[in-house]
Amino acid sequence: MKNIKFIVEKHDDGYIAYPLGIQGVVVGEGETSEEALNDAKSALNFHIETFGISVLETESPILDASIVEASF
């Protein structure tokens, strides 16, 4: 089992979620953050079934993620 970090974003029309450091595009959406995360996890499972476990084997250079606001 491998732990995967997901980003969950809130938008005007709902939430989207996507994993960090995965080969390929995997996105989930929902009316709540939990729905979006569950949809993204389901999409990632399908992605693994379709393209193989090797999509998880590449070591991601992403150790952590933060949201930072900056003025310019």
C-alpha atoms as a PDB file:
ATOM      1  CA  MET A   1       0.000   0.000   0.000  1.00  0.00           C
ATOM      2  CA  LYS A   2       1.254   3.469  -0.904  1.00  0.00           C
ATOM      3  CA  ASN A   3       0.079   6.789   0.499  1.00  0.00           C
ATOM      4  CA  ILE A   4      -0.848   9.304  -2.172  1.00  0.00           C
ATOM      5  CA  LYS A   5      -1.247  13.032  -1.560  1.00  0.00           C
ATOM      6  CA  PHE A   6      -4.303  14.657  -3.156  1.00  0.00           C
ATOM      7  CA  ILE A   7      -5.079  18.303  -3.796  1.00  0.00           C
ATOM      8  CA  VAL A   8      -8.725  19.255  -3.243  1.00  0.00           C
ATOM      9  CA  GLU A   9      -9.857  22.590  -4.659  1.00  0.00           C
ATOM     10  CA  LYS A  10     -13.123  24.413  -3.982  1.00  0.00           C
ATOM     11  CA  HIS A  11     -14.700  26.197  -6.946  1.00  0.00           C
ATOM     12  CA  ASP A  12     -17.991  28.079  -7.433  1.00  0.00           C
ATOM     13  CA  ASP A  13     -19.633  24.981  -8.910  1.00  0.00           C
ATOM     14  CA  GLY A  14     -18.181  22.324  -6.575  1.00  0.00           C
ATOM     15  CA  TYR A  15     -14.885  20.643  -5.747  1.00  0.00           C
ATOM     16  CA  ILE A  16     -12.166  18.954  -7.772  1.00  0.00           C
ATOM     17  CA  ALA A  17      -9.443  16.636  -6.500  1.00  0.00           C
ATOM     18  CA  TYR A  18      -6.322  15.210  -8.091  1.00  0.00           C
ATOM     19  CA  PRO A  19      -3.315  13.210  -6.887  1.00  0.00           C
ATOM     20  CA  LEU A  20       0.218  14.581  -6.820  1.00  0.00           C
ATOM     21  CA  GLY A  21       3.067  12.825  -8.603  1.00  0.00           C
ATOM     22  CA  ILE A  22       1.056  10.321 -10.659  1.00  0.00           C
ATOM     23  CA  GLN A  23       1.942   9.542 -14.272  1.00  0.00           C
ATOM     24  CA  GLY A  24      -1.049  10.640 -16.366  1.00  0.00           C
ATOM     25  CA  VAL A  25      -4.111  12.714 -15.637  1.00  0.00           C
ATOM     26  CA  VAL A  26      -6.475  11.702 -12.836  1.00  0.00           C
ATOM     27  CA  VAL A  27      -9.204  14.096 -11.648  1.00  0.00           C
ATOM     28  CA  GLY A  28     -12.305  13.704  -9.495  1.00  0.00           C
ATOM     29  CA  GLU A  29     -15.177  16.081  -8.879  1.00  0.00           C
ATOM     30  CA  GLY A  30     -18.092  16.418  -6.497  1.00  0.00           C
ATOM     31  CA  GLU A  31     -20.410  18.722  -4.617  1.00  0.00           C
ATOM     32  CA  THR A  32     -18.355  18.228  -1.433  1.00  0.00           C
ATOM     33  CA  SER A  33     -14.642  17.776  -0.825  1.00  0.00           C
ATOM     34  CA  GLU A  34     -15.296  14.198   0.297  1.00  0.00           C
ATOM     35  CA  GLU A  35     -17.187  13.410  -2.919  1.00  0.00           C
ATOM     36  CA  ALA A  36     -14.387  14.877  -5.023  1.00  0.00           C
ATOM     37  CA  LEU A  37     -11.736  12.930  -3.107  1.00  0.00           C
ATOM     38  CA  ASN A  38     -13.672   9.668  -3.396  1.00  0.00           C
ATOM     39  CA  ASP A  39     -14.194  10.284  -7.124  1.00  0.00           C
ATOM     40  CA  ALA A  40     -10.464  10.963  -7.586  1.00  0.00           C
ATOM     41  CA  LYS A  41      -9.561   7.806  -5.653  1.00  0.00           C
ATOM     42  CA  SER A  42     -11.942   5.814  -7.850  1.00  0.00           C
ATOM     43  CA  ALA A  43     -10.423   7.405 -10.971  1.00  0.00           C
ATOM     44  CA  LEU A  44      -6.931   6.554  -9.717  1.00  0.00           C
ATOM     45  CA  ASN A  45      -7.955   2.916  -9.185  1.00  0.00           C
ATOM     46  CA  PHE A  46      -9.272   2.810 -12.770  1.00  0.00           C
ATOM     47  CA  HIS A  47      -6.054   4.480 -13.980  1.00  0.00           C
ATOM     48  CA  ILE A  48      -3.976   1.781 -12.237  1.00  0.00           C
ATOM     49  CA  GLU A  49      -6.178  -1.012 -13.646  1.00  0.00           C
ATOM     50  CA  THR A  50      -5.849   0.469 -17.145  1.00  0.00           C
ATOM     51  CA  PHE A  51      -2.142   1.368 -17.245  1.00  0.00           C
ATOM     52  CA  GLY A  52      -0.693  -0.879 -14.554  1.00  0.00           C
ATOM     53  CA  ILE A  53       0.837  -0.389 -11.150  1.00  0.00           C
ATOM     54  CA  SER A  54       3.889   1.222 -12.754  1.00  0.00           C
ATOM     55  CA  VAL A  55       2.030   4.568 -12.690  1.00  0.00           C
ATOM     56  CA  LEU A  56       2.762   4.538  -8.944  1.00  0.00           C
ATOM     57  CA  GLU A  57       6.328   3.265  -9.139  1.00  0.00           C
ATOM     58  CA  THR A  58       7.975   6.524 -10.128  1.00  0.00           C
ATOM     59  CA  GLU A  59       9.211   8.312  -7.044  1.00  0.00           C
ATOM     60  CA  SER A  60       7.523  11.660  -6.919  1.00  0.00           C
ATOM     61  CA  PRO A  61       9.806  14.586  -6.147  1.00  0.00           C
ATOM     62  CA  ILE A  62       6.857  16.113  -4.257  1.00  0.00           C
ATOM     63  CA  LEU A  63       7.373  15.622  -0.538  1.00  0.00           C
ATOM     64  CA  ASP A  64       4.711  18.056   0.605  1.00  0.00           C
ATOM     65  CA  ALA A  65       2.445  20.772  -0.788  1.00  0.00           C
ATOM     66  CA  SER A  66       1.276  24.085   0.614  1.00  0.00           C
ATOM     67  CA  ILE A  67      -0.987  26.886  -0.452  1.00  0.00           C
ATOM     68  CA  VAL A  68       0.779  30.215  -0.202  1.00  0.00           C
ATOM     69  CA  GLU A  69      -0.664  33.601  -1.141  1.00  0.00           C
ATOM     70  CA  ALA A  70       1.739  36.238  -2.391  1.00  0.00           C
ATOM     71  CA  SER A  71       1.272  39.840  -3.451  1.00  0.00           C
ATOM     72  CA  PHE A  72       3.006  41.228  -6.514  1.00  0.00           C
END
